[in-house]
Amino acid sequence: FSVYCPAGCKDIDGDIWGNPSQGYRDTSVLCKAAVHAGVIADELGGQVTLSREKGITLYESAFANGLHSKRGSLSEKRLIFHKACGDALEVAAFNASSWWSEVDALGQDRAWAAERAALGAAGHSWAAEP
């Protein structure tokens, strides 16, 4: 099913139990859980697509998008948020860096570093020195 969440749900009363990879206890505040899961930005709100699936024994807590969810016990149903294309969301770890490297579609190594940045104005790059 799909619902619309208004902006500003991050600070409303009510708790959330669970995390994006496991899903959320069905008693969680739905739009607050959507912000936690990262399917909407708190500043903008937006349309959220989710499903109710069989609950699990234990919901682990997590800190995400400025919210801390609680650890929760068994529930009959759980909320699973979905991307617009219908895939279940996955959490990916990341960090900020002033260096980046990847292998492109042709199999060639590509790298970027702060000292190679093409700045539009004189001065230091936003990136830290490596």
C-alpha atoms as a PDB file:
ATOM      1  CA  PHE A   1       0.000   0.000   0.000  1.00  0.00           C
ATOM      2  CA  SER A   2       1.015   3.624  -0.336  1.00  0.00           C
ATOM      3  CA  VAL A   3       0.604   6.650   1.960  1.00  0.00           C
ATOM      4  CA  TYR A   4       1.639  10.290   1.902  1.00  0.00           C
ATOM      5  CA  CYS A   5       3.798  11.528   4.779  1.00  0.00           C
ATOM      6  CA  PRO A   6       3.977  15.283   5.404  1.00  0.00           C
ATOM      7  CA  ALA A   7       7.227  17.107   6.180  1.00  0.00           C
ATOM      8  CA  GLY A   8       8.317  17.232   9.832  1.00  0.00           C
ATOM      9  CA  CYS A   9       7.560  13.678  10.971  1.00  0.00           C
ATOM     10  CA  LYS A  10      10.952  13.203  12.618  1.00  0.00           C
ATOM     11  CA  ASP A  11       9.931  15.110  15.744  1.00  0.00           C
ATOM     12  CA  ILE A  12       6.393  13.816  16.293  1.00  0.00           C
ATOM     13  CA  ASP A  13       5.506  11.828  19.405  1.00  0.00           C
ATOM     14  CA  GLY A  14       5.697   8.066  19.251  1.00  0.00           C
ATOM     15  CA  ASP A  15       8.302   5.360  18.943  1.00  0.00           C
ATOM     16  CA  ILE A  16       9.746   3.235  16.176  1.00  0.00           C
ATOM     17  CA  TRP A  17      11.115  -0.275  16.586  1.00  0.00           C
ATOM     18  CA  GLY A  18      13.362  -1.917  14.006  1.00  0.00           C
ATOM     19  CA  ASN A  19      15.578  -0.874  11.122  1.00  0.00           C
ATOM     20  CA  PRO A  20      15.550  -0.667   7.312  1.00  0.00           C
ATOM     21  CA  SER A  21      17.028  -4.134   6.744  1.00  0.00           C
ATOM     22  CA  GLN A  22      14.644  -6.052   9.069  1.00  0.00           C
ATOM     23  CA  GLY A  23      11.622  -3.842   8.778  1.00  0.00           C
ATOM     24  CA  TYR A  24       9.696  -2.098  11.533  1.00  0.00           C
ATOM     25  CA  ARG A  25       7.280  -3.342  14.182  1.00  0.00           C
ATOM     26  CA  ASP A  26       3.728  -2.589  12.984  1.00  0.00           C
ATOM     27  CA  THR A  27       3.082  -0.414  16.053  1.00  0.00           C
ATOM     28  CA  SER A  28       5.825   2.020  14.972  1.00  0.00           C
ATOM     29  CA  VAL A  29       4.829   5.532  13.932  1.00  0.00           C
ATOM     30  CA  LEU A  30       4.704   4.946  10.186  1.00  0.00           C
ATOM     31  CA  CYS A  31       5.962   8.280   8.785  1.00  0.00           C
ATOM     32  CA  LYS A  32       8.658   8.563  11.459  1.00  0.00           C
ATOM     33  CA  ALA A  33       9.842   5.058  10.489  1.00  0.00           C
ATOM     34  CA  ALA A  34       9.874   6.157   6.821  1.00  0.00           C
ATOM     35  CA  VAL A  35      12.272   9.000   7.703  1.00  0.00           C
ATOM     36  CA  HIS A  36      14.423   6.542   9.719  1.00  0.00           C
ATOM     37  CA  ALA A  37      14.480   4.127   6.769  1.00  0.00           C
ATOM     38  CA  GLY A  38      15.526   6.921   4.417  1.00  0.00           C
ATOM     39  CA  VAL A  39      12.630   6.565   1.987  1.00  0.00           C
ATOM     40  CA  ILE A  40      11.661  10.217   2.547  1.00  0.00           C
ATOM     41  CA  ALA A  41      13.504  13.293   3.758  1.00  0.00           C
ATOM     42  CA  ASP A  42      12.027  14.829   6.903  1.00  0.00           C
ATOM     43  CA  GLU A  43      12.277  18.297   5.354  1.00  0.00           C
ATOM     44  CA  LEU A  44      10.205  17.305   2.309  1.00  0.00           C
ATOM     45  CA  GLY A  45       7.915  14.417   3.210  1.00  0.00           C
ATOM     46  CA  GLY A  46       6.527  12.436   0.288  1.00  0.00           C
ATOM     47  CA  GLN A  47       4.793   9.335  -0.979  1.00  0.00           C
ATOM     48  CA  VAL A  48       5.814   6.103   0.760  1.00  0.00           C
ATOM     49  CA  THR A  49       5.232   2.592  -0.538  1.00  0.00           C
ATOM     50  CA  LEU A  50       5.285  -0.257   1.963  1.00  0.00           C
ATOM     51  CA  SER A  51       3.903  -3.686   2.708  1.00  0.00           C
ATOM     52  CA  ARG A  52       2.826  -5.511   5.844  1.00  0.00           C
ATOM     53  CA  GLU A  53       4.539  -8.835   6.236  1.00  0.00           C
ATOM     54  CA  LYS A  54       4.752 -11.506   8.919  1.00  0.00           C
ATOM     55  CA  GLY A  55       6.319 -10.133  12.108  1.00  0.00           C
ATOM     56  CA  ILE A  56       9.625 -11.307  13.528  1.00  0.00           C
ATOM     57  CA  THR A  57      10.679 -12.281  17.050  1.00  0.00           C
ATOM     58  CA  LEU A  58      13.069  -9.378  17.704  1.00  0.00           C
ATOM     59  CA  TYR A  59      13.513  -5.980  16.061  1.00  0.00           C
ATOM     60  CA  GLU A  60      17.022  -4.569  16.423  1.00  0.00           C
ATOM     61  CA  SER A  61      17.530  -0.861  17.067  1.00  0.00           C
ATOM     62  CA  ALA A  62      19.569   1.435  14.824  1.00  0.00           C
ATOM     63  CA  PHE A  63      20.542   5.082  14.480  1.00  0.00           C
ATOM     64  CA  ALA A  64      19.731   6.444  11.015  1.00  0.00           C
ATOM     65  CA  ASN A  65      18.807   9.803   9.524  1.00  0.00           C
ATOM     66  CA  GLY A  66      18.933  11.542  12.894  1.00  0.00           C
ATOM     67  CA  LEU A  67      16.608   9.087  14.624  1.00  0.00           C
ATOM     68  CA  HIS A  68      17.270   6.241  17.031  1.00  0.00           C
ATOM     69  CA  SER A  69      14.848   3.330  16.830  1.00  0.00           C
ATOM     70  CA  LYS A  70      14.165   1.057  19.778  1.00  0.00           C
ATOM     71  CA  ARG A  71      14.786  -2.635  20.161  1.00  0.00           C
ATOM     72  CA  GLY A  72      11.404  -4.364  20.120  1.00  0.00           C
ATOM     73  CA  SER A  73       9.817  -7.734  20.687  1.00  0.00           C
ATOM     74  CA  LEU A  74       7.546  -9.965  18.633  1.00  0.00           C
ATOM     75  CA  SER A  75       4.740  -8.410  16.632  1.00  0.00           C
ATOM     76  CA  GLU A  76       2.082  -9.974  14.440  1.00  0.00           C
ATOM     77  CA  LYS A  77       3.042  -7.850  11.417  1.00  0.00           C
ATOM     78  CA  ARG A  78       5.977  -5.705  10.332  1.00  0.00           C
ATOM     79  CA  LEU A  79       6.303  -2.768   7.961  1.00  0.00           C
ATOM     80  CA  ILE A  80       8.659  -3.140   5.002  1.00  0.00           C
ATOM     81  CA  PHE A  81       9.395   0.024   2.991  1.00  0.00           C
ATOM     82  CA  HIS A  82       9.938  -0.245  -0.758  1.00  0.00           C
ATOM     83  CA  LYS A  83      11.666   1.808  -3.402  1.00  0.00           C
ATOM     84  CA  ALA A  84       9.484   3.269  -6.138  1.00  0.00           C
ATOM     85  CA  CYS A  85      10.605   0.450  -8.455  1.00  0.00           C
ATOM     86  CA  GLY A  86       9.349  -2.141  -5.980  1.00  0.00           C
ATOM     87  CA  ASP A  87      12.645  -3.431  -4.574  1.00  0.00           C
ATOM     88  CA  ALA A  88      13.060  -3.737  -0.815  1.00  0.00           C
ATOM     89  CA  LEU A  89      15.497  -1.166   0.545  1.00  0.00           C
ATOM     90  CA  GLU A  90      18.935  -2.176   1.723  1.00  0.00           C
ATOM     91  CA  VAL A  91      21.138  -0.240   4.105  1.00  0.00           C
ATOM     92  CA  ALA A  92      24.614   0.571   2.831  1.00  0.00           C
ATOM     93  CA  ALA A  93      27.453   1.919   4.926  1.00  0.00           C
ATOM     94  CA  PHE A  94      29.389   4.874   3.596  1.00  0.00           C
ATOM     95  CA  ASN A  95      31.810   7.538   4.701  1.00  0.00           C
ATOM     96  CA  ALA A  96      32.949  10.895   3.421  1.00  0.00           C
ATOM     97  CA  SER A  97      36.369  11.018   1.887  1.00  0.00           C
ATOM     98  CA  SER A  98      38.606  13.284  -0.132  1.00  0.00           C
ATOM     99  CA  TRP A  99      39.689  10.336  -2.269  1.00  0.00           C
ATOM    100  CA  TRP A 100      37.654   8.052  -4.496  1.00  0.00           C
ATOM    101  CA  SER A 101      38.467   5.128  -6.786  1.00  0.00           C
ATOM    102  CA  GLU A 102      36.461   2.751  -8.960  1.00  0.00           C
ATOM    103  CA  VAL A 103      36.731   0.467 -11.955  1.00  0.00           C
ATOM    104  CA  ASP A 104      34.687   1.860 -14.861  1.00  0.00           C
ATOM    105  CA  ALA A 105      32.546  -0.065 -17.371  1.00  0.00           C
ATOM    106  CA  LEU A 106      35.634  -0.609 -19.567  1.00  0.00           C
ATOM    107  CA  GLY A 107      37.589  -2.164 -16.694  1.00  0.00           C
ATOM    108  CA  GLN A 108      39.883   0.846 -16.262  1.00  0.00           C
ATOM    109  CA  ASP A 109      40.831   2.212 -12.844  1.00  0.00           C
ATOM    110  CA  ARG A 110      39.503   5.727 -12.249  1.00  0.00           C
ATOM    111  CA  ALA A 111      40.519   7.835  -9.273  1.00  0.00           C
ATOM    112  CA  TRP A 112      39.779  11.302  -7.926  1.00  0.00           C
ATOM    113  CA  ALA A 113      41.605  13.246  -5.248  1.00  0.00           C
ATOM    114  CA  ALA A 114      41.127  16.739  -3.824  1.00  0.00           C
ATOM    115  CA  GLU A 115      44.276  18.109  -5.435  1.00  0.00           C
ATOM    116  CA  ARG A 116      42.867  17.218  -8.888  1.00  0.00           C
ATOM    117  CA  ALA A 117      39.585  19.091  -8.349  1.00  0.00           C
ATOM    118  CA  ALA A 118      38.702  21.688 -10.975  1.00  0.00           C
ATOM    119  CA  LEU A 119      37.576  24.569  -8.796  1.00  0.00           C
ATOM    120  CA  GLY A 120      35.281  27.268 -10.168  1.00  0.00           C
ATOM    121  CA  ALA A 121      36.922  29.873  -7.921  1.00  0.00           C
ATOM    122  CA  ALA A 122      40.356  30.310  -6.420  1.00  0.00           C
ATOM    123  CA  GLY A 123      40.844  28.845  -2.960  1.00  0.00           C
ATOM    124  CA  HIS A 124      40.836  25.558  -1.154  1.00  0.00           C
ATOM    125  CA  SER A 125      38.730  22.588  -2.184  1.00  0.00           C
ATOM    126  CA  TRP A 126      35.897  21.560   0.155  1.00  0.00           C
ATOM    127  CA  ALA A 127      37.688  18.240   0.501  1.00  0.00           C
ATOM    128  CA  ALA A 128      40.304  17.596   3.143  1.00  0.00           C
ATOM    129  CA  GLU A 129      43.882  16.984   2.087  1.00  0.00           C
ATOM    130  CA  PRO A 130      44.636  13.264   1.659  1.00  0.00           C
END
